[in-house]
PDB file of N, CA and C in Angstrom:
ATOM      1  N   UNK A   1       0.947  -1.263   0.056  1.00  0.00           N
ATOM      2  CA  UNK A   1      -0.035   0.061  -0.030  1.00  0.00           C
ATOM      3  C   UNK A   1       0.855   1.286  -0.090  1.00  0.00           C
ATOM      4  N   UNK A   2       0.472   2.301  -0.821  1.00  0.00           N
ATOM      5  CA  UNK A   2       1.320   3.428  -0.992  1.00  0.00           C
ATOM      6  C   UNK A   2       1.189   4.326   0.267  1.00  0.00           C
ATOM      7  N   UNK A   3       2.357   5.037   0.546  1.00  0.00           N
ATOM      8  CA  UNK A   3       2.334   5.939   1.790  1.00  0.00           C
ATOM      9  C   UNK A   3       1.933   7.302   1.314  1.00  0.00           C
ATOM     10  N   UNK A   4       2.089   7.776   0.074  1.00  0.00           N
ATOM     11  CA  UNK A   4       1.903   9.132  -0.360  1.00  0.00           C
ATOM     12  C   UNK A   4       0.323   9.303  -0.682  1.00  0.00           C
ATOM     13  N   UNK A   5      -0.136  10.401  -0.219  1.00  0.00           N
ATOM     14  CA  UNK A   5      -1.609  10.602  -0.403  1.00  0.00           C
ATOM     15  C   UNK A   5      -2.175  10.637  -1.863  1.00  0.00           C
ATOM     16  N   UNK A   6      -1.340  11.167  -2.804  1.00  0.00           N
ATOM     17  CA  UNK A   6      -1.829  11.087  -4.188  1.00  0.00           C
ATOM     18  C   UNK A   6      -1.742   9.542  -4.703  1.00  0.00           C
ATOM     19  N   UNK A   7      -0.725   8.962  -4.097  1.00  0.00           N
ATOM     20  CA  UNK A   7      -0.663   7.544  -4.727  1.00  0.00           C
ATOM     21  C   UNK A   7      -1.857   6.656  -4.147  1.00  0.00           C
ATOM     22  N   UNK A   8      -2.284   6.920  -3.064  1.00  0.00           N
ATOM     23  CA  UNK A   8      -3.392   6.260  -2.363  1.00  0.00           C
ATOM     24  C   UNK A   8      -4.702   6.563  -3.114  1.00  0.00           C
ATOM     25  N   UNK A   9      -4.795   7.694  -3.578  1.00  0.00           N
ATOM     26  CA  UNK A   9      -6.013   8.366  -4.372  1.00  0.00           C
ATOM     27  C   UNK A   9      -5.842   7.404  -5.788  1.00  0.00           C
ATOM     28  N   UNK A  10      -4.797   7.374  -6.343  1.00  0.00           N
ATOM     29  CA  UNK A  10      -4.608   6.724  -7.692  1.00  0.00           C
ATOM     30  C   UNK A  10      -5.129   5.285  -7.510  1.00  0.00           C
ATOM     31  N   UNK A  11      -4.652   4.752  -6.550  1.00  0.00           N
ATOM     32  CA  UNK A  11      -4.982   3.504  -6.221  1.00  0.00           C
ATOM     33  C   UNK A  11      -6.615   3.168  -6.110  1.00  0.00           C
ATOM     34  N   UNK A  12      -7.127   3.863  -5.357  1.00  0.00           N
ATOM     35  CA  UNK A  12      -8.709   3.886  -5.289  1.00  0.00           C
ATOM     36  C   UNK A  12      -9.338   4.196  -6.656  1.00  0.00           C
ATOM     37  N   UNK A  13      -8.885   5.233  -7.290  1.00  0.00           N
ATOM     38  CA  UNK A  13      -9.414   5.518  -8.676  1.00  0.00           C
ATOM     39  C   UNK A  13      -9.302   4.545  -9.715  1.00  0.00           C
ATOM     40  N   UNK A  14      -8.111   3.930  -9.625  1.00  0.00           N
ATOM     41  CA  UNK A  14      -7.851   2.929 -10.596  1.00  0.00           C
ATOM     42  C   UNK A  14      -8.766   1.681 -10.283  1.00  0.00           C
ATOM     43  N   UNK A  15      -9.073   1.394  -9.071  1.00  0.00           N
ATOM     44  CA  UNK A  15      -9.782   0.188  -8.731  1.00  0.00           C
ATOM     45  C   UNK A  15     -11.255   0.470  -9.276  1.00  0.00           C
ATOM     46  N   UNK A  16     -11.832   1.648  -9.075  1.00  0.00           N
ATOM     47  CA  UNK A  16     -13.099   1.915  -9.557  1.00  0.00           C
ATOM     48  C   UNK A  16     -13.073   1.899 -11.179  1.00  0.00           C
ATOM     49  N   UNK A  17     -12.178   2.414 -11.642  1.00  0.00           N
ATOM     50  CA  UNK A  17     -12.213   2.475 -13.116  1.00  0.00           C
ATOM     51  C   UNK A  17     -12.071   1.032 -13.791  1.00  0.00           C
ATOM     52  N   UNK A  18     -11.222   0.237 -12.969  1.00  0.00           N
ATOM     53  CA  UNK A  18     -11.107  -1.240 -13.473  1.00  0.00           C
ATOM     54  C   UNK A  18     -12.336  -2.047 -13.274  1.00  0.00           C
ATOM     55  N   UNK A  19     -13.184  -1.836 -12.171  1.00  0.00           N
ATOM     56  CA  UNK A  19     -14.380  -2.370 -12.044  1.00  0.00           C
ATOM     57  C   UNK A  19     -15.414  -1.926 -13.124  1.00  0.00           C
ATOM     58  N   UNK A  20     -15.412  -0.755 -13.390  1.00  0.00           N
ATOM     59  CA  UNK A  20     -16.245  -0.165 -14.435  1.00  0.00           C
ATOM     60  C   UNK A  20     -15.979  -0.735 -15.784  1.00  0.00           C
ATOM     61  N   UNK A  21     -14.707  -0.778 -16.151  1.00  0.00           N
ATOM     62  CA  UNK A  21     -14.322  -1.402 -17.443  1.00  0.00           C
ATOM     63  C   UNK A  21     -14.582  -2.915 -17.586  1.00  0.00           C
ATOM     64  N   UNK A  22     -14.439  -3.472 -16.404  1.00  0.00           N
ATOM     65  CA  UNK A  22     -14.684  -5.088 -16.405  1.00  0.00           C
ATOM     66  C   UNK A  22     -16.184  -5.122 -16.568  1.00  0.00           C
ATOM     67  N   UNK A  23     -16.959  -4.359 -15.890  1.00  0.00           N
ATOM     68  CA  UNK A  23     -18.446  -4.535 -15.967  1.00  0.00           C
ATOM     69  C   UNK A  23     -18.939  -4.171 -17.487  1.00  0.00           C
ATOM     70  N   UNK A  24     -18.441  -3.185 -18.081  1.00  0.00           N
ATOM     71  CA  UNK A  24     -18.649  -2.885 -19.578  1.00  0.00           C
ATOM     72  C   UNK A  24     -18.333  -3.965 -20.474  1.00  0.00           C
ATOM     73  N   UNK A  25     -17.067  -4.481 -20.314  1.00  0.00           N
ATOM     74  CA  UNK A  25     -16.533  -5.460 -21.198  1.00  0.00           C
ATOM     75  C   UNK A  25     -17.244  -6.889 -21.022  1.00  0.00           C
ATOM     76  N   UNK A  26     -17.589  -7.157 -19.717  1.00  0.00           N
ATOM     77  CA  UNK A  26     -18.307  -8.313 -19.531  1.00  0.00           C
ATOM     78  C   UNK A  26     -19.768  -8.298 -20.228  1.00  0.00           C
ATOM     79  N   UNK A  27     -20.438  -7.153 -20.226  1.00  0.00           N
ATOM     80  CA  UNK A  27     -21.714  -7.050 -20.764  1.00  0.00           C
ATOM     81  C   UNK A  27     -21.749  -7.108 -22.217  1.00  0.00           C
ATOM     82  N   UNK A  28     -20.572  -6.639 -22.746  1.00  0.00           N
ATOM     83  CA  UNK A  28     -20.352  -6.659 -24.143  1.00  0.00           C
ATOM     84  C   UNK A  28     -20.187  -8.178 -24.685  1.00  0.00           C
ATOM     85  N   UNK A  29     -19.245  -8.813 -23.922  1.00  0.00           N
ATOM     86  CA  UNK A  29     -19.089 -10.175 -24.235  1.00  0.00           C
ATOM     87  C   UNK A  29     -20.213 -11.184 -24.167  1.00  0.00           C
ATOM     88  N   UNK A  30     -21.108 -10.889 -23.110  1.00  0.00           N
ATOM     89  CA  UNK A  30     -22.261 -11.654 -22.981  1.00  0.00           C
ATOM     90  C   UNK A  30     -23.356 -11.489 -23.998  1.00  0.00           C
ATOM     91  N   UNK A  31     -23.414 -10.215 -24.636  1.00  0.00           N
ATOM     92  CA  UNK A  31     -24.189  -9.953 -25.597  1.00  0.00           C
ATOM     93  C   UNK A  31     -23.800 -10.533 -26.904  1.00  0.00           C
ATOM     94  N   UNK A  32     -22.459 -10.505 -27.160  1.00  0.00           N
ATOM     95  CA  UNK A  32     -21.974 -11.017 -28.294  1.00  0.00           C
ATOM     96  C   UNK A  32     -22.052 -12.659 -28.300  1.00  0.00           C
ATOM     97  N   UNK A  33     -22.021 -13.273 -27.021  1.00  0.00           N
ATOM     98  CA  UNK A  33     -22.191 -14.754 -26.903  1.00  0.00           C
ATOM     99  C   UNK A  33     -23.740 -15.020 -27.346  1.00  0.00           C
ATOM    100  N   UNK A  34     -24.585 -14.249 -26.779  1.00  0.00           N
ATOM    101  CA  UNK A  34     -26.105 -14.197 -27.074  1.00  0.00           C
ATOM    102  C   UNK A  34     -26.272 -14.323 -28.635  1.00  0.00           C
ATOM    103  N   UNK A  35     -25.635 -13.293 -29.366  1.00  0.00           N
ATOM    104  CA  UNK A  35     -25.755 -13.371 -30.721  1.00  0.00           C
ATOM    105  C   UNK A  35     -25.189 -14.537 -31.315  1.00  0.00           C
ATOM    106  N   UNK A  36     -24.030 -14.876 -30.999  1.00  0.00           N
ATOM    107  CA  UNK A  36     -23.369 -16.069 -31.616  1.00  0.00           C
ATOM    108  C   UNK A  36     -24.239 -17.417 -31.509  1.00  0.00           C
ATOM    109  N   UNK A  37     -24.994 -17.569 -30.402  1.00  0.00           N
ATOM    110  CA  UNK A  37     -25.727 -18.833 -30.051  1.00  0.00           C
ATOM    111  C   UNK A  37     -27.075 -18.722 -30.970  1.00  0.00           C
ATOM    112  N   UNK A  38     -27.562 -17.482 -31.075  1.00  0.00           N
ATOM    113  CA  UNK A  38     -28.760 -17.296 -31.883  1.00  0.00           C
ATOM    114  C   UNK A  38     -28.425 -17.480 -33.428  1.00  0.00           C
ATOM    115  N   UNK A  39     -27.177 -17.086 -33.854  1.00  0.00           N
ATOM    116  CA  UNK A  39     -26.778 -17.284 -35.195  1.00  0.00           C
ATOM    117  C   UNK A  39     -26.625 -18.869 -35.474  1.00  0.00           C
ATOM    118  N   UNK A  40     -25.921 -19.408 -34.415  1.00  0.00           N
ATOM    119  CA  UNK A  40     -25.602 -20.881 -34.684  1.00  0.00           C
ATOM    120  C   UNK A  40     -27.009 -21.787 -34.738  1.00  0.00           C
ATOM    121  N   UNK A  41     -28.099 -21.237 -33.984  1.00  0.00           N
ATOM    122  CA  UNK A  41     -29.304 -21.855 -33.949  1.00  0.00           C
ATOM    123  C   UNK A  41     -30.322 -21.291 -35.068  1.00  0.00           C
ATOM    124  N   UNK A  42     -29.744 -20.493 -35.783  1.00  0.00           N
ATOM    125  CA  UNK A  42     -30.681 -19.749 -37.002  1.00  0.00           C
ATOM    126  C   UNK A  42     -31.760 -19.099 -36.378  1.00  0.00           C
ATOM    127  N   UNK A  43     -31.612 -18.443 -35.299  1.00  0.00           N
ATOM    128  CA  UNK A  43     -32.627 -17.523 -34.717  1.00  0.00           C
ATOM    129  C   UNK A  43     -32.177 -16.210 -34.744  1.00  0.00           C
ATOM    130  N   UNK A  44     -31.166 -15.649 -35.173  1.00  0.00           N
ATOM    131  CA  UNK A  44     -30.606 -14.386 -35.222  1.00  0.00           C
ATOM    132  C   UNK A  44     -31.376 -13.515 -36.148  1.00  0.00           C
ATOM    133  N   UNK A  45     -31.617 -12.313 -35.724  1.00  0.00           N
ATOM    134  CA  UNK A  45     -32.405 -11.343 -36.582  1.00  0.00           C
ATOM    135  C   UNK A  45     -31.648 -10.023 -36.485  1.00  0.00           C
ATOM    136  N   UNK A  46     -32.061  -8.948 -37.126  1.00  0.00           N
ATOM    137  CA  UNK A  46     -31.506  -7.624 -37.310  1.00  0.00           C
ATOM    138  C   UNK A  46     -31.535  -7.025 -36.008  1.00  0.00           C
ATOM    139  N   UNK A  47     -32.704  -7.161 -35.226  1.00  0.00           N
ATOM    140  CA  UNK A  47     -32.861  -6.539 -33.986  1.00  0.00           C
ATOM    141  C   UNK A  47     -31.792  -7.036 -32.970  1.00  0.00           C
ATOM    142  N   UNK A  48     -31.445  -8.256 -32.985  1.00  0.00           N
ATOM    143  CA  UNK A  48     -30.448  -8.840 -32.104  1.00  0.00           C
ATOM    144  C   UNK A  48     -28.913  -8.233 -32.424  1.00  0.00           C
ATOM    145  N   UNK A  49     -28.759  -8.250 -33.940  1.00  0.00           N
ATOM    146  CA  UNK A  49     -27.453  -7.619 -34.329  1.00  0.00           C
ATOM    147  C   UNK A  49     -27.246  -6.136 -33.955  1.00  0.00           C
ATOM    148  N   UNK A  50     -28.368  -5.407 -33.942  1.00  0.00           N
ATOM    149  CA  UNK A  50     -28.421  -3.946 -33.622  1.00  0.00           C
ATOM    150  C   UNK A  50     -28.020  -3.792 -32.082  1.00  0.00           C
ATOM    151  N   UNK A  51     -28.588  -4.622 -31.322  1.00  0.00           N
ATOM    152  CA  UNK A  51     -28.432  -4.584 -29.839  1.00  0.00           C
ATOM    153  C   UNK A  51     -27.012  -5.028 -29.483  1.00  0.00           C
ATOM    154  N   UNK A  52     -26.487  -6.101 -30.119  1.00  0.00           N
ATOM    155  CA  UNK A  52     -25.297  -6.298 -30.010  1.00  0.00           C
ATOM    156  C   UNK A  52     -24.202  -5.284 -30.578  1.00  0.00           C
ATOM    157  N   UNK A  53     -24.359  -4.746 -31.532  1.00  0.00           N
ATOM    158  CA  UNK A  53     -23.563  -3.599 -32.091  1.00  0.00           C
ATOM    159  C   UNK A  53     -23.746  -2.505 -31.106  1.00  0.00           C
ATOM    160  N   UNK A  54     -24.840  -2.194 -30.514  1.00  0.00           N
ATOM    161  CA  UNK A  54     -24.884  -1.141 -29.650  1.00  0.00           C
ATOM    162  C   UNK A  54     -24.059  -1.383 -28.211  1.00  0.00           C
ATOM    163  N   UNK A  55     -23.910  -2.670 -27.967  1.00  0.00           N
ATOM    164  CA  UNK A  55     -23.106  -2.949 -26.733  1.00  0.00           C
ATOM    165  C   UNK A  55     -21.664  -2.668 -27.121  1.00  0.00           C
ATOM    166  N   UNK A  56     -21.344  -3.045 -28.364  1.00  0.00           N
ATOM    167  CA  UNK A  56     -19.841  -2.874 -28.635  1.00  0.00           C
ATOM    168  C   UNK A  56     -19.464  -1.445 -28.989  1.00  0.00           C
ATOM    169  N   UNK A  57     -20.500  -0.721 -29.388  1.00  0.00           N
ATOM    170  CA  UNK A  57     -20.310   0.707 -29.502  1.00  0.00           C
ATOM    171  C   UNK A  57     -20.100   1.433 -28.246  1.00  0.00           C
ATOM    172  N   UNK A  58     -20.882   1.054 -27.193  1.00  0.00           N
ATOM    173  CA  UNK A  58     -20.858   1.454 -25.813  1.00  0.00           C
ATOM    174  C   UNK A  58     -19.473   1.289 -25.273  1.00  0.00           C
ATOM    175  N   UNK A  59     -18.930  -0.006 -25.457  1.00  0.00           N
ATOM    176  CA  UNK A  59     -17.771  -0.282 -25.023  1.00  0.00           C
ATOM    177  C   UNK A  59     -16.709   0.808 -25.631  1.00  0.00           C
ATOM    178  N   UNK A  60     -16.753   0.873 -26.874  1.00  0.00           N
ATOM    179  CA  UNK A  60     -15.682   1.651 -27.708  1.00  0.00           C
ATOM    180  C   UNK A  60     -15.826   3.074 -27.174  1.00  0.00           C
ATOM    181  N   UNK A  61     -17.084   3.600 -26.907  1.00  0.00           N
ATOM    182  CA  UNK A  61     -17.320   4.886 -26.451  1.00  0.00           C
ATOM    183  C   UNK A  61     -16.696   5.319 -25.103  1.00  0.00           C
ATOM    184  N   UNK A  62     -16.712   4.301 -24.185  1.00  0.00           N
ATOM    185  CA  UNK A  62     -16.227   4.429 -22.903  1.00  0.00           C
ATOM    186  C   UNK A  62     -14.732   4.238 -22.914  1.00  0.00           C
ATOM    187  N   UNK A  63     -14.119   3.736 -24.058  1.00  0.00           N
ATOM    188  CA  UNK A  63     -12.704   3.566 -24.084  1.00  0.00           C
ATOM    189  C   UNK A  63     -12.181   2.279 -23.572  1.00  0.00           C
ATOM    190  N   UNK A  64     -13.129   1.223 -23.465  1.00  0.00           N
ATOM    191  CA  UNK A  64     -12.777  -0.029 -23.026  1.00  0.00           C
ATOM    192  C   UNK A  64     -12.122  -0.807 -24.185  1.00  0.00           C
ATOM    193  N   UNK A  65     -12.605  -0.579 -25.364  1.00  0.00           N
ATOM    194  CA  UNK A  65     -11.979  -1.275 -26.485  1.00  0.00           C
ATOM    195  C   UNK A  65     -11.598  -0.130 -27.607  1.00  0.00           C
ATOM    196  N   UNK A  66     -10.773  -0.363 -28.391  1.00  0.00           N
ATOM    197  CA  UNK A  66     -10.446   0.658 -29.356  1.00  0.00           C
ATOM    198  C   UNK A  66     -11.567   0.700 -30.457  1.00  0.00           C
ATOM    199  N   UNK A  67     -11.757   1.863 -30.958  1.00  0.00           N
ATOM    200  CA  UNK A  67     -12.837   2.025 -31.867  1.00  0.00           C
ATOM    201  C   UNK A  67     -12.611   1.104 -33.257  1.00  0.00           C
ATOM    202  N   UNK A  68     -11.467   0.788 -33.567  1.00  0.00           N
ATOM    203  CA  UNK A  68     -11.149  -0.082 -34.667  1.00  0.00           C
ATOM    204  C   UNK A  68     -11.588  -1.577 -34.364  1.00  0.00           C
ATOM    205  N   UNK A  69     -11.279  -1.927 -33.212  1.00  0.00           N
ATOM    206  CA  UNK A  69     -11.625  -3.264 -32.709  1.00  0.00           C
ATOM    207  C   UNK A  69     -13.264  -3.421 -32.845  1.00  0.00           C
ATOM    208  N   UNK A  70     -13.872  -2.381 -32.372  1.00  0.00           N
ATOM    209  CA  UNK A  70     -15.179  -2.285 -32.415  1.00  0.00           C
ATOM    210  C   UNK A  70     -15.937  -2.583 -33.594  1.00  0.00           C
ATOM    211  N   UNK A  71     -15.288  -1.735 -34.621  1.00  0.00           N
ATOM    212  CA  UNK A  71     -15.831  -1.800 -36.073  1.00  0.00           C
ATOM    213  C   UNK A  71     -15.528  -3.145 -36.656  1.00  0.00           C
ATOM    214  N   UNK A  72     -14.376  -3.792 -36.207  1.00  0.00           N
ATOM    215  CA  UNK A  72     -13.961  -5.173 -36.663  1.00  0.00           C
ATOM    216  C   UNK A  72     -15.051  -6.277 -36.195  1.00  0.00           C
ATOM    217  N   UNK A  73     -15.451  -5.966 -34.818  1.00  0.00           N
ATOM    218  CA  UNK A  73     -16.308  -6.886 -34.260  1.00  0.00           C
ATOM    219  C   UNK A  73     -17.644  -6.915 -35.028  1.00  0.00           C
ATOM    220  N   UNK A  74     -18.112  -5.565 -35.080  1.00  0.00           N
ATOM    221  CA  UNK A  74     -19.485  -5.357 -35.725  1.00  0.00           C
ATOM    222  C   UNK A  74     -19.350  -5.863 -37.211  1.00  0.00           C
ATOM    223  N   UNK A  75     -18.319  -5.673 -37.982  1.00  0.00           N
ATOM    224  CA  UNK A  75     -18.437  -6.124 -39.408  1.00  0.00           C
ATOM    225  C   UNK A  75     -18.377  -7.599 -39.432  1.00  0.00           C
ATOM    226  N   UNK A  76     -17.724  -8.240 -38.418  1.00  0.00           N
ATOM    227  CA  UNK A  76     -17.709  -9.821 -38.487  1.00  0.00           C
ATOM    228  C   UNK A  76     -19.219 -10.347 -38.066  1.00  0.00           C
ATOM    229  N   UNK A  77     -19.726  -9.631 -37.217  1.00  0.00           N
ATOM    230  CA  UNK A  77     -21.122 -10.033 -36.817  1.00  0.00           C
ATOM    231  C   UNK A  77     -22.112  -9.921 -38.015  1.00  0.00           C
ATOM    232  N   UNK A  78     -21.961  -8.701 -38.707  1.00  0.00           N
ATOM    233  CA  UNK A  78     -22.851  -8.668 -39.859  1.00  0.00           C
ATOM    234  C   UNK A  78     -22.640  -9.752 -40.863  1.00  0.00           C
ATOM    235  N   UNK A  79     -21.432 -10.005 -41.155  1.00  0.00           N
ATOM    236  CA  UNK A  79     -20.995 -11.046 -42.133  1.00  0.00           C
ATOM    237  C   UNK A  79     -21.646 -12.379 -41.716  1.00  0.00           C
ATOM    238  N   UNK A  80     -21.473 -12.725 -40.304  1.00  0.00           N
ATOM    239  CA  UNK A  80     -22.028 -13.980 -40.028  1.00  0.00           C
ATOM    240  C   UNK A  80     -23.578 -14.016 -40.103  1.00  0.00           C
ATOM    241  N   UNK A  81     -24.080 -12.901 -39.757  1.00  0.00           N
ATOM    242  CA  UNK A  81     -25.636 -12.854 -39.869  1.00  0.00           C
ATOM    243  C   UNK A  81     -26.022 -13.017 -41.430  1.00  0.00           C
ATOM    244  N   UNK A  82     -25.282 -12.373 -42.246  1.00  0.00           N
ATOM    245  CA  UNK A  82     -25.637 -12.506 -43.607  1.00  0.00           C
ATOM    246  C   UNK A  82     -25.435 -13.892 -44.218  1.00  0.00           C
ATOM    247  N   UNK A  83     -24.338 -14.411 -43.799  1.00  0.00           N
ATOM    248  CA  UNK A  83     -24.002 -15.830 -44.289  1.00  0.00           C
ATOM    249  C   UNK A  83     -25.084 -16.918 -43.607  1.00  0.00           C
ATOM    250  N   UNK A  84     -25.488 -16.676 -42.458  1.00  0.00           N
ATOM    251  CA  UNK A  84     -26.515 -17.524 -41.949  1.00  0.00           C
ATOM    252  C   UNK A  84     -27.990 -17.278 -42.596  1.00  0.00           C
ATOM    253  N   UNK A  85     -28.152 -16.148 -43.183  1.00  0.00           N
ATOM    254  CA  UNK A  85     -29.343 -15.882 -43.621  1.00  0.00           C
ATOM    255  C   UNK A  85     -29.423 -16.704 -45.077  1.00  0.00           C
ATOM    256  N   UNK A  86     -28.292 -17.049 -45.586  1.00  0.00           N
ATOM    257  CA  UNK A  86     -28.351 -17.554 -46.948  1.00  0.00           C
ATOM    258  C   UNK A  86     -29.025 -18.904 -46.911  1.00  0.00           C
TER     259      UNK A  86
END
């Protein structure tokens, strides 16, 4: 544990931010898994894709993942949905 007051504050702030980031990332991953299972069961639709892309966008907006990573994930999900629709 740090002795300096500013270092103590940094530890507390980092813990809060880490918890927030983990919650956002976990919610995003859960939504992606729901989408993936729906696609594999041929039950996916545009509404589910939209909700999943929203979760990915939210994570990117909060800085949890990079915006290019978010765009890559969204493009791959759209491709999977289009392929499953064939």
